[in-house]
Amino acid sequence: GDFEWGLFVNATLSSSFSYTSFSDNVEYDLQTTAFSTAGTRIAGGYLGGKTAPFSLGGDFIAFSNQLGQTIAGVSDTLTLGVRPGTANGDVSGLLKWYDLT
């Protein structure tokens, strides 16, 4: 079915992240289902069905979309949110990035 997707910087989720560590610089959570605040939506849209691949590149990979950390050590977060068009719909997503640390 169809679905809506969004890529958010510094969203606050309605429940605590249950992080799984992927590497020293990446953690992920596949369990949280809602935002309490959306942060800043930097990309998004609507796609349909299983054959609806989408990628961001070119101008989107800009300095303004880089993640960072405050002097106090608070890191930015990047959240891929997906809302399926039907209840209990399944979705999958893939994020690729450059780690400059």
PDB file of N, CA and C in Angstrom:
ATOM      1  N   GLY A   1       0.803  -1.186   0.000  1.00  0.00           N
ATOM      2  CA  GLY A   1       0.000   0.000   0.000  1.00  0.00           C
ATOM      3  C   GLY A   1       0.849   1.254   0.000  1.00  0.00           C
ATOM      4  N   ASP A   2       0.187   2.368  -0.023  1.00  0.00           N
ATOM      5  CA  ASP A   2       0.857   3.664  -0.018  1.00  0.00           C
ATOM      6  C   ASP A   2       1.306   4.030   1.386  1.00  0.00           C
ATOM      7  N   PHE A   3       2.281   4.941   1.451  1.00  0.00           N
ATOM      8  CA  PHE A   3       2.749   5.383   2.754  1.00  0.00           C
ATOM      9  C   PHE A   3       3.332   6.780   2.668  1.00  0.00           C
ATOM     10  N   GLU A   4       3.401   7.434   3.826  1.00  0.00           N
ATOM     11  CA  GLU A   4       4.022   8.749   3.971  1.00  0.00           C
ATOM     12  C   GLU A   4       5.321   8.559   4.739  1.00  0.00           C
ATOM     13  N   TRP A   5       6.346   9.282   4.345  1.00  0.00           N
ATOM     14  CA  TRP A   5       7.623   9.184   5.046  1.00  0.00           C
ATOM     15  C   TRP A   5       8.145  10.579   5.345  1.00  0.00           C
ATOM     16  N   GLY A   6       8.989  10.667   6.369  1.00  0.00           N
ATOM     17  CA  GLY A   6       9.632  11.927   6.716  1.00  0.00           C
ATOM     18  C   GLY A   6      10.977  11.665   7.366  1.00  0.00           C
ATOM     19  N   LEU A   7      11.911  12.566   7.127  1.00  0.00           N
ATOM     20  CA  LEU A   7      13.232  12.503   7.741  1.00  0.00           C
ATOM     21  C   LEU A   7      13.345  13.712   8.656  1.00  0.00           C
ATOM     22  N   PHE A   8      13.567  13.479   9.952  1.00  0.00           N
ATOM     23  CA  PHE A   8      13.497  14.518  10.970  1.00  0.00           C
ATOM     24  C   PHE A   8      14.810  14.634  11.736  1.00  0.00           C
ATOM     25  N   VAL A   9      15.230  15.870  11.999  1.00  0.00           N
ATOM     26  CA  VAL A   9      16.393  16.126  12.848  1.00  0.00           C
ATOM     27  C   VAL A   9      15.887  16.525  14.227  1.00  0.00           C
ATOM     28  N   ASN A  10      16.410  15.877  15.242  1.00  0.00           N
ATOM     29  CA  ASN A  10      16.119  16.182  16.647  1.00  0.00           C
ATOM     30  C   ASN A  10      14.643  16.077  17.013  1.00  0.00           C
ATOM     31  N   ALA A  11      13.973  15.052  16.492  1.00  0.00           N
ATOM     32  CA  ALA A  11      12.597  14.776  16.905  1.00  0.00           C
ATOM     33  C   ALA A  11      12.607  14.231  18.331  1.00  0.00           C
ATOM     34  N   THR A  12      11.531  14.486  19.063  1.00  0.00           N
ATOM     35  CA  THR A  12      11.357  13.910  20.396  1.00  0.00           C
ATOM     36  C   THR A  12      10.283  12.843  20.282  1.00  0.00           C
ATOM     37  N   LEU A  13      10.608  11.644  20.682  1.00  0.00           N
ATOM     38  CA  LEU A  13       9.663  10.548  20.543  1.00  0.00           C
ATOM     39  C   LEU A  13       8.777  10.439  21.772  1.00  0.00           C
ATOM     40  N   SER A  14       7.597   9.837  21.580  1.00  0.00           N
ATOM     41  CA  SER A  14       6.621   9.760  22.666  1.00  0.00           C
ATOM     42  C   SER A  14       7.037   8.785  23.756  1.00  0.00           C
ATOM     43  N   SER A  15       7.945   7.896  23.455  1.00  0.00           N
ATOM     44  CA  SER A  15       8.494   6.999  24.476  1.00  0.00           C
ATOM     45  C   SER A  15      10.013   7.035  24.354  1.00  0.00           C
ATOM     46  N   SER A  16      10.685   6.566  25.360  1.00  0.00           N
ATOM     47  CA  SER A  16      12.144   6.593  25.347  1.00  0.00           C
ATOM     48  C   SER A  16      12.688   5.712  24.235  1.00  0.00           C
ATOM     49  N   PHE A  17      13.759   6.197  23.610  1.00  0.00           N
ATOM     50  CA  PHE A  17      14.450   5.360  22.637  1.00  0.00           C
ATOM     51  C   PHE A  17      14.940   4.101  23.326  1.00  0.00           C
ATOM     52  N   SER A  18      14.812   2.992  22.656  1.00  0.00           N
ATOM     53  CA  SER A  18      15.395   1.741  23.113  1.00  0.00           C
ATOM     54  C   SER A  18      16.529   1.431  22.143  1.00  0.00           C
ATOM     55  N   TYR A  19      17.639   2.131  22.338  1.00  0.00           N
ATOM     56  CA  TYR A  19      18.736   2.076  21.381  1.00  0.00           C
ATOM     57  C   TYR A  19      19.411   0.717  21.326  1.00  0.00           C
ATOM     58  N   THR A  20      19.772   0.338  20.118  1.00  0.00           N
ATOM     59  CA  THR A  20      20.674  -0.768  19.872  1.00  0.00           C
ATOM     60  C   THR A  20      21.917  -0.156  19.261  1.00  0.00           C
ATOM     61  N   SER A  21      23.079  -0.496  19.762  1.00  0.00           N
ATOM     62  CA  SER A  21      24.314   0.092  19.267  1.00  0.00           C
ATOM     63  C   SER A  21      24.757  -0.617  17.998  1.00  0.00           C
ATOM     64  N   PHE A  22      24.971   0.165  16.938  1.00  0.00           N
ATOM     65  CA  PHE A  22      25.467  -0.362  15.673  1.00  0.00           C
ATOM     66  C   PHE A  22      26.974  -0.168  15.572  1.00  0.00           C
ATOM     67  N   SER A  23      27.430   0.983  16.034  1.00  0.00           N
ATOM     68  CA  SER A  23      28.860   1.294  16.054  1.00  0.00           C
ATOM     69  C   SER A  23      29.070   2.370  17.109  1.00  0.00           C
ATOM     70  N   ASP A  24      30.287   2.852  17.243  1.00  0.00           N
ATOM     71  CA  ASP A  24      30.559   3.908  18.214  1.00  0.00           C
ATOM     72  C   ASP A  24      29.750   5.167  17.932  1.00  0.00           C
ATOM     73  N   ASN A  25      29.396   5.408  16.676  1.00  0.00           N
ATOM     74  CA  ASN A  25      28.735   6.655  16.295  1.00  0.00           C
ATOM     75  C   ASN A  25      27.272   6.499  15.905  1.00  0.00           C
ATOM     76  N   VAL A  26      26.757   5.274  15.876  1.00  0.00           N
ATOM     77  CA  VAL A  26      25.391   5.055  15.396  1.00  0.00           C
ATOM     78  C   VAL A  26      24.638   4.141  16.352  1.00  0.00           C
ATOM     79  N   GLU A  27      23.437   4.571  16.717  1.00  0.00           N
ATOM     80  CA  GLU A  27      22.515   3.740  17.479  1.00  0.00           C
ATOM     81  C   GLU A  27      21.164   3.830  16.788  1.00  0.00           C
ATOM     82  N   TYR A  28      20.346   2.789  16.907  1.00  0.00           N
ATOM     83  CA  TYR A  28      19.047   2.818  16.243  1.00  0.00           C
ATOM     84  C   TYR A  28      17.974   2.214  17.136  1.00  0.00           C
ATOM     85  N   ASP A  29      16.718   2.547  16.803  1.00  0.00           N
ATOM     86  CA  ASP A  29      15.556   2.071  17.545  1.00  0.00           C
ATOM     87  C   ASP A  29      14.469   1.749  16.532  1.00  0.00           C
ATOM     88  N   LEU A  30      13.955   0.539  16.563  1.00  0.00           N
ATOM     89  CA  LEU A  30      12.898   0.132  15.640  1.00  0.00           C
ATOM     90  C   LEU A  30      11.551  -0.029  16.339  1.00  0.00           C
ATOM     91  N   GLN A  31      11.456   0.334  17.623  1.00  0.00           N
ATOM     92  CA  GLN A  31      10.255   0.065  18.408  1.00  0.00           C
ATOM     93  C   GLN A  31       9.353   1.270  18.639  1.00  0.00           C
ATOM     94  N   THR A  32       9.912   2.468  18.688  1.00  0.00           N
ATOM     95  CA  THR A  32       9.123   3.650  19.019  1.00  0.00           C
ATOM     96  C   THR A  32       8.173   3.977  17.871  1.00  0.00           C
ATOM     97  N   THR A  33       6.934   4.347  18.194  1.00  0.00           N
ATOM     98  CA  THR A  33       5.923   4.486  17.145  1.00  0.00           C
ATOM     99  C   THR A  33       5.326   5.875  16.985  1.00  0.00           C
ATOM    100  N   ALA A  34       5.698   6.854  17.818  1.00  0.00           N
ATOM    101  CA  ALA A  34       5.072   8.172  17.695  1.00  0.00           C
ATOM    102  C   ALA A  34       6.013   9.272  18.179  1.00  0.00           C
ATOM    103  N   PHE A  35       5.806  10.472  17.650  1.00  0.00           N
ATOM    104  CA  PHE A  35       6.539  11.662  18.083  1.00  0.00           C
ATOM    105  C   PHE A  35       5.730  12.423  19.119  1.00  0.00           C
ATOM    106  N   SER A  36       6.412  13.052  20.075  1.00  0.00           N
ATOM    107  CA  SER A  36       5.739  14.062  20.890  1.00  0.00           C
ATOM    108  C   SER A  36       6.014  15.441  20.288  1.00  0.00           C
ATOM    109  N   THR A  37       7.191  15.646  19.698  1.00  0.00           N
ATOM    110  CA  THR A  37       7.472  16.815  18.849  1.00  0.00           C
ATOM    111  C   THR A  37       8.292  16.322  17.662  1.00  0.00           C
ATOM    112  N   ALA A  38       8.044  16.885  16.498  1.00  0.00           N
ATOM    113  CA  ALA A  38       8.652  16.375  15.268  1.00  0.00           C
ATOM    114  C   ALA A  38      10.043  16.918  14.991  1.00  0.00           C
ATOM    115  N   GLY A  39      10.522  17.890  15.749  1.00  0.00           N
ATOM    116  CA  GLY A  39      11.819  18.472  15.422  1.00  0.00           C
ATOM    117  C   GLY A  39      11.735  19.219  14.100  1.00  0.00           C
ATOM    118  N   THR A  40      12.753  19.100  13.270  1.00  0.00           N
ATOM    119  CA  THR A  40      12.776  19.757  11.967  1.00  0.00           C
ATOM    120  C   THR A  40      12.688  18.704  10.871  1.00  0.00           C
ATOM    121  N   ARG A  41      11.636  18.783  10.071  1.00  0.00           N
ATOM    122  CA  ARG A  41      11.491  17.851   8.947  1.00  0.00           C
ATOM    123  C   ARG A  41      12.349  18.369   7.802  1.00  0.00           C
ATOM    124  N   ILE A  42      13.345  17.579   7.400  1.00  0.00           N
ATOM    125  CA  ILE A  42      14.261  18.031   6.352  1.00  0.00           C
ATOM    126  C   ILE A  42      13.965  17.382   5.008  1.00  0.00           C
ATOM    127  N   ALA A  43      13.112  16.361   4.998  1.00  0.00           N
ATOM    128  CA  ALA A  43      12.708  15.713   3.752  1.00  0.00           C
ATOM    129  C   ALA A  43      11.460  14.900   4.038  1.00  0.00           C
ATOM    130  N   GLY A  44      10.732  14.550   2.998  1.00  0.00           N
ATOM    131  CA  GLY A  44       9.554  13.717   3.181  1.00  0.00           C
ATOM    132  C   GLY A  44       8.686  13.715   1.954  1.00  0.00           C
ATOM    133  N   GLY A  45       7.672  12.865   2.004  1.00  0.00           N
ATOM    134  CA  GLY A  45       6.748  12.783   0.888  1.00  0.00           C
ATOM    135  C   GLY A  45       5.878  11.555   0.988  1.00  0.00           C
ATOM    136  N   TYR A  46       5.249  11.237  -0.133  1.00  0.00           N
ATOM    137  CA  TYR A  46       4.360  10.090  -0.228  1.00  0.00           C
ATOM    138  C   TYR A  46       4.870   9.166  -1.320  1.00  0.00           C
ATOM    139  N   LEU A  47       4.821   7.866  -1.065  1.00  0.00           N
ATOM    140  CA  LEU A  47       5.221   6.868  -2.047  1.00  0.00           C
ATOM    141  C   LEU A  47       4.185   5.760  -2.050  1.00  0.00           C
ATOM    142  N   GLY A  48       4.159   5.004  -3.138  1.00  0.00           N
ATOM    143  CA  GLY A  48       3.168   3.950  -3.240  1.00  0.00           C
ATOM    144  C   GLY A  48       3.764   2.587  -3.480  1.00  0.00           C
ATOM    145  N   GLY A  49       3.264   1.621  -2.744  1.00  0.00           N
ATOM    146  CA  GLY A  49       3.567   0.228  -2.991  1.00  0.00           C
ATOM    147  C   GLY A  49       4.989  -0.217  -2.745  1.00  0.00           C
ATOM    148  N   LYS A  50       5.226  -1.487  -3.084  1.00  0.00           N
ATOM    149  CA  LYS A  50       6.531  -2.103  -2.862  1.00  0.00           C
ATOM    150  C   LYS A  50       7.574  -1.645  -3.872  1.00  0.00           C
ATOM    151  N   THR A  51       7.142  -1.097  -4.963  1.00  0.00           N
ATOM    152  CA  THR A  51       8.080  -0.725  -6.027  1.00  0.00           C
ATOM    153  C   THR A  51       8.276   0.777  -6.077  1.00  0.00           C
ATOM    154  N   ALA A  52       8.380   1.401  -4.918  1.00  0.00           N
ATOM    155  CA  ALA A  52       8.495   2.860  -4.857  1.00  0.00           C
ATOM    156  C   ALA A  52       9.807   3.279  -4.210  1.00  0.00           C
ATOM    157  N   PRO A  53      10.950   2.913  -4.797  1.00  0.00           N
ATOM    158  CA  PRO A  53      12.210   3.345  -4.179  1.00  0.00           C
ATOM    159  C   PRO A  53      12.402   4.844  -4.312  1.00  0.00           C
ATOM    160  N   PHE A  54      13.129   5.416  -3.379  1.00  0.00           N
ATOM    161  CA  PHE A  54      13.383   6.853  -3.392  1.00  0.00           C
ATOM    162  C   PHE A  54      14.737   7.091  -2.764  1.00  0.00           C
ATOM    163  N   SER A  55      15.490   8.017  -3.310  1.00  0.00           N
ATOM    164  CA  SER A  55      16.781   8.343  -2.709  1.00  0.00           C
ATOM    165  C   SER A  55      16.989   9.844  -2.726  1.00  0.00           C
ATOM    166  N   LEU A  56      17.759  10.318  -1.762  1.00  0.00           N
ATOM    167  CA  LEU A  56      18.141  11.722  -1.675  1.00  0.00           C
ATOM    168  C   LEU A  56      19.627  11.811  -1.956  1.00  0.00           C
ATOM    169  N   GLY A  57      20.021  12.798  -2.689  1.00  0.00           N
ATOM    170  CA  GLY A  57      21.441  12.978  -2.978  1.00  0.00           C
ATOM    171  C   GLY A  57      21.652  14.368  -3.538  1.00  0.00           C
ATOM    172  N   GLY A  58      22.752  14.569  -4.177  1.00  0.00           N
ATOM    173  CA  GLY A  58      23.034  15.846  -4.816  1.00  0.00           C
ATOM    174  C   GLY A  58      22.961  17.008  -3.856  1.00  0.00           C
ATOM    175  N   ASP A  59      22.065  17.957  -4.134  1.00  0.00           N
ATOM    176  CA  ASP A  59      21.946  19.170  -3.327  1.00  0.00           C
ATOM    177  C   ASP A  59      21.492  18.895  -1.898  1.00  0.00           C
ATOM    178  N   PHE A  60      20.834  17.748  -1.667  1.00  0.00           N
ATOM    179  CA  PHE A  60      20.379  17.450  -0.313  1.00  0.00           C
ATOM    180  C   PHE A  60      21.562  17.225   0.626  1.00  0.00           C
ATOM    181  N   ILE A  61      22.643  16.695   0.091  1.00  0.00           N
ATOM    182  CA  ILE A  61      23.831  16.446   0.910  1.00  0.00           C
ATOM    183  C   ILE A  61      24.563  17.772   1.055  1.00  0.00           C
ATOM    184  N   ALA A  62      24.079  18.573   1.955  1.00  0.00           N
ATOM    185  CA  ALA A  62      24.594  19.929   2.142  1.00  0.00           C
ATOM    186  C   ALA A  62      25.058  20.115   3.580  1.00  0.00           C
ATOM    187  N   PHE A  63      25.842  21.154   3.781  1.00  0.00           N
ATOM    188  CA  PHE A  63      26.341  21.442   5.119  1.00  0.00           C
ATOM    189  C   PHE A  63      25.203  21.605   6.118  1.00  0.00           C
ATOM    190  N   SER A  64      24.099  22.196   5.695  1.00  0.00           N
ATOM    191  CA  SER A  64      22.980  22.443   6.609  1.00  0.00           C
ATOM    192  C   SER A  64      22.318  21.154   7.085  1.00  0.00           C
ATOM    193  N   ASN A  65      22.543  20.036   6.415  1.00  0.00           N
ATOM    194  CA  ASN A  65      21.947  18.764   6.822  1.00  0.00           C
ATOM    195  C   ASN A  65      22.912  17.857   7.574  1.00  0.00           C
ATOM    196  N   GLN A  66      24.056  18.387   7.978  1.00  0.00           N
ATOM    197  CA  GLN A  66      25.001  17.583   8.743  1.00  0.00           C
ATOM    198  C   GLN A  66      24.566  17.501  10.205  1.00  0.00           C
ATOM    199  N   LEU A  67      24.829  16.356  10.808  1.00  0.00           N
ATOM    200  CA  LEU A  67      24.554  16.180  12.229  1.00  0.00           C
ATOM    201  C   LEU A  67      25.779  16.594  13.017  1.00  0.00           C
ATOM    202  N   GLY A  68      25.555  17.040  14.234  1.00  0.00           N
ATOM    203  CA  GLY A  68      26.671  17.487  15.053  1.00  0.00           C
ATOM    204  C   GLY A  68      26.431  17.228  16.518  1.00  0.00           C
ATOM    205  N   GLN A  69      27.176  17.941  17.325  1.00  0.00           N
ATOM    206  CA  GLN A  69      27.108  17.792  18.776  1.00  0.00           C
ATOM    207  C   GLN A  69      27.395  19.147  19.408  1.00  0.00           C
ATOM    208  N   THR A  70      26.659  19.470  20.471  1.00  0.00           N
ATOM    209  CA  THR A  70      26.896  20.729  21.169  1.00  0.00           C
ATOM    210  C   THR A  70      28.172  20.634  21.996  1.00  0.00           C
ATOM    211  N   ILE A  71      28.643  21.767  22.469  1.00  0.00           N
ATOM    212  CA  ILE A  71      29.819  21.788  23.340  1.00  0.00           C
ATOM    213  C   ILE A  71      29.563  20.957  24.593  1.00  0.00           C
ATOM    214  N   ALA A  72      28.295  20.907  25.036  1.00  0.00           N
ATOM    215  CA  ALA A  72      27.937  20.128  26.225  1.00  0.00           C
ATOM    216  C   ALA A  72      27.847  18.627  25.942  1.00  0.00           C
ATOM    217  N   GLY A  73      28.036  18.221  24.681  1.00  0.00           N
ATOM    218  CA  GLY A  73      28.024  16.797  24.349  1.00  0.00           C
ATOM    219  C   GLY A  73      26.682  16.233  23.944  1.00  0.00           C
ATOM    220  N   VAL A  74      25.688  17.085  23.668  1.00  0.00           N
ATOM    221  CA  VAL A  74      24.374  16.615  23.239  1.00  0.00           C
ATOM    222  C   VAL A  74      24.397  16.435  21.724  1.00  0.00           C
ATOM    223  N   SER A  75      24.169  15.211  21.268  1.00  0.00           N
ATOM    224  CA  SER A  75      24.238  14.900  19.840  1.00  0.00           C
ATOM    225  C   SER A  75      22.904  15.138  19.146  1.00  0.00           C
ATOM    226  N   ASP A  76      22.979  15.541  17.873  1.00  0.00           N
ATOM    227  CA  ASP A  76      21.795  15.603  17.026  1.00  0.00           C
ATOM    228  C   ASP A  76      21.326  14.181  16.742  1.00  0.00           C
ATOM    229  N   THR A  77      20.037  14.039  16.462  1.00  0.00           N
ATOM    230  CA  THR A  77      19.492  12.745  16.065  1.00  0.00           C
ATOM    231  C   THR A  77      18.832  12.889  14.705  1.00  0.00           C
ATOM    232  N   LEU A  78      18.802  11.800  13.965  1.00  0.00           N
ATOM    233  CA  LEU A  78      18.140  11.740  12.668  1.00  0.00           C
ATOM    234  C   LEU A  78      17.130  10.609  12.746  1.00  0.00           C
ATOM    235  N   THR A  79      15.866  10.907  12.481  1.00  0.00           N
ATOM    236  CA  THR A  79      14.807   9.914  12.602  1.00  0.00           C
ATOM    237  C   THR A  79      14.084   9.768  11.278  1.00  0.00           C
ATOM    238  N   LEU A  80      13.998   8.543  10.783  1.00  0.00           N
ATOM    239  CA  LEU A  80      13.195   8.229   9.612  1.00  0.00           C
ATOM    240  C   LEU A  80      11.856   7.734  10.125  1.00  0.00           C
ATOM    241  N   GLY A  81      10.805   8.499   9.851  1.00  0.00           N
ATOM    242  CA  GLY A  81       9.466   8.117  10.270  1.00  0.00           C
ATOM    243  C   GLY A  81       8.646   7.711   9.063  1.00  0.00           C
ATOM    244  N   VAL A  82       7.881   6.633   9.194  1.00  0.00           N
ATOM    245  CA  VAL A  82       7.055   6.138   8.098  1.00  0.00           C
ATOM    246  C   VAL A  82       5.671   5.829   8.638  1.00  0.00           C
ATOM    247  N   ARG A  83       4.653   6.307   7.906  1.00  0.00           N
ATOM    248  CA  ARG A  83       3.263   6.035   8.283  1.00  0.00           C
ATOM    249  C   ARG A  83       2.606   5.268   7.130  1.00  0.00           C
ATOM    250  N   PRO A  84       2.317   3.968   7.337  1.00  0.00           N
ATOM    251  CA  PRO A  84       1.671   3.200   6.271  1.00  0.00           C
ATOM    252  C   PRO A  84       0.222   3.637   6.080  1.00  0.00           C
ATOM    253  N   GLY A  85      -0.281   3.437   4.873  1.00  0.00           N
ATOM    254  CA  GLY A  85      -1.654   3.822   4.559  1.00  0.00           C
ATOM    255  C   GLY A  85      -2.698   2.918   5.180  1.00  0.00           C
ATOM    256  N   THR A  86      -2.310   1.733   5.593  1.00  0.00           N
ATOM    257  CA  THR A  86      -3.241   0.809   6.230  1.00  0.00           C
ATOM    258  C   THR A  86      -2.711   0.432   7.610  1.00  0.00           C
ATOM    259  N   ALA A  87      -3.623   0.092   8.503  1.00  0.00           N
ATOM    260  CA  ALA A  87      -3.220  -0.298   9.857  1.00  0.00           C
ATOM    261  C   ALA A  87      -2.303  -1.513   9.796  1.00  0.00           C
ATOM    262  N   ASN A  88      -1.284  -1.501  10.627  1.00  0.00           N
ATOM    263  CA  ASN A  88      -0.339  -2.617  10.740  1.00  0.00           C
ATOM    264  C   ASN A  88       0.417  -2.911   9.452  1.00  0.00           C
ATOM    265  N   GLY A  89       0.570  -1.901   8.595  1.00  0.00           N
ATOM    266  CA  GLY A  89       1.342  -2.092   7.372  1.00  0.00           C
ATOM    267  C   GLY A  89       2.823  -2.222   7.674  1.00  0.00           C
ATOM    268  N   ASP A  90       3.525  -2.982   6.862  1.00  0.00           N
ATOM    269  CA  ASP A  90       4.964  -3.172   7.032  1.00  0.00           C
ATOM    270  C   ASP A  90       5.724  -2.260   6.077  1.00  0.00           C
ATOM    271  N   VAL A  91       6.803  -1.685   6.559  1.00  0.00           N
ATOM    272  CA  VAL A  91       7.650  -0.828   5.736  1.00  0.00           C
ATOM    273  C   VAL A  91       9.110  -1.163   6.017  1.00  0.00           C
ATOM    274  N   SER A  92       9.964  -0.791   5.104  1.00  0.00           N
ATOM    275  CA  SER A  92      11.403  -0.919   5.340  1.00  0.00           C
ATOM    276  C   SER A  92      12.082   0.312   4.775  1.00  0.00           C
ATOM    277  N   GLY A  93      13.219   0.658   5.352  1.00  0.00           N
ATOM    278  CA  GLY A  93      13.957   1.827   4.898  1.00  0.00           C
ATOM    279  C   GLY A  93      15.448   1.594   5.040  1.00  0.00           C
ATOM    280  N   LEU A  94      16.219   2.387   4.343  1.00  0.00           N
ATOM    281  CA  LEU A  94      17.669   2.274   4.369  1.00  0.00           C
ATOM    282  C   LEU A  94      18.259   3.671   4.409  1.00  0.00           C
ATOM    283  N   LEU A  95      19.153   3.899   5.353  1.00  0.00           N
ATOM    284  CA  LEU A  95      19.881   5.166   5.440  1.00  0.00           C
ATOM    285  C   LEU A  95      21.357   4.877   5.210  1.00  0.00           C
ATOM    286  N   LYS A  96      21.978   5.667   4.360  1.00  0.00           N
ATOM    287  CA  LYS A  96      23.423   5.571   4.129  1.00  0.00           C
ATOM    288  C   LYS A  96      24.015   6.937   4.421  1.00  0.00           C
ATOM    289  N   TRP A  97      25.214   6.980   4.990  1.00  0.00           N
ATOM    290  CA  TRP A  97      25.814   8.257   5.350  1.00  0.00           C
ATOM    291  C   TRP A  97      27.325   8.155   5.328  1.00  0.00           C
ATOM    292  N   TYR A  98      27.955   9.304   5.405  1.00  0.00           N
ATOM    293  CA  TYR A  98      29.404   9.402   5.541  1.00  0.00           C
ATOM    294  C   TYR A  98      29.720   9.785   6.976  1.00  0.00           C
ATOM    295  N   ASP A  99      30.599   9.054   7.612  1.00  0.00           N
ATOM    296  CA  ASP A  99      31.033   9.363   8.973  1.00  0.00           C
ATOM    297  C   ASP A  99      32.389  10.046   8.876  1.00  0.00           C
ATOM    298  N   LEU A 100      32.441  11.312   9.238  1.00  0.00           N
ATOM    299  CA  LEU A 100      33.660  12.100   9.094  1.00  0.00           C
ATOM    300  C   LEU A 100      34.457  12.207  10.381  1.00  0.00           C
ATOM    301  N   THR A 101      34.205  11.302  11.344  1.00  0.00           N
ATOM    302  CA  THR A 101      34.946  11.369  12.604  1.00  0.00           C
ATOM    303  C   THR A 101      36.238  10.599  12.518  1.00  0.00           C
TER     304      THR A 101
END
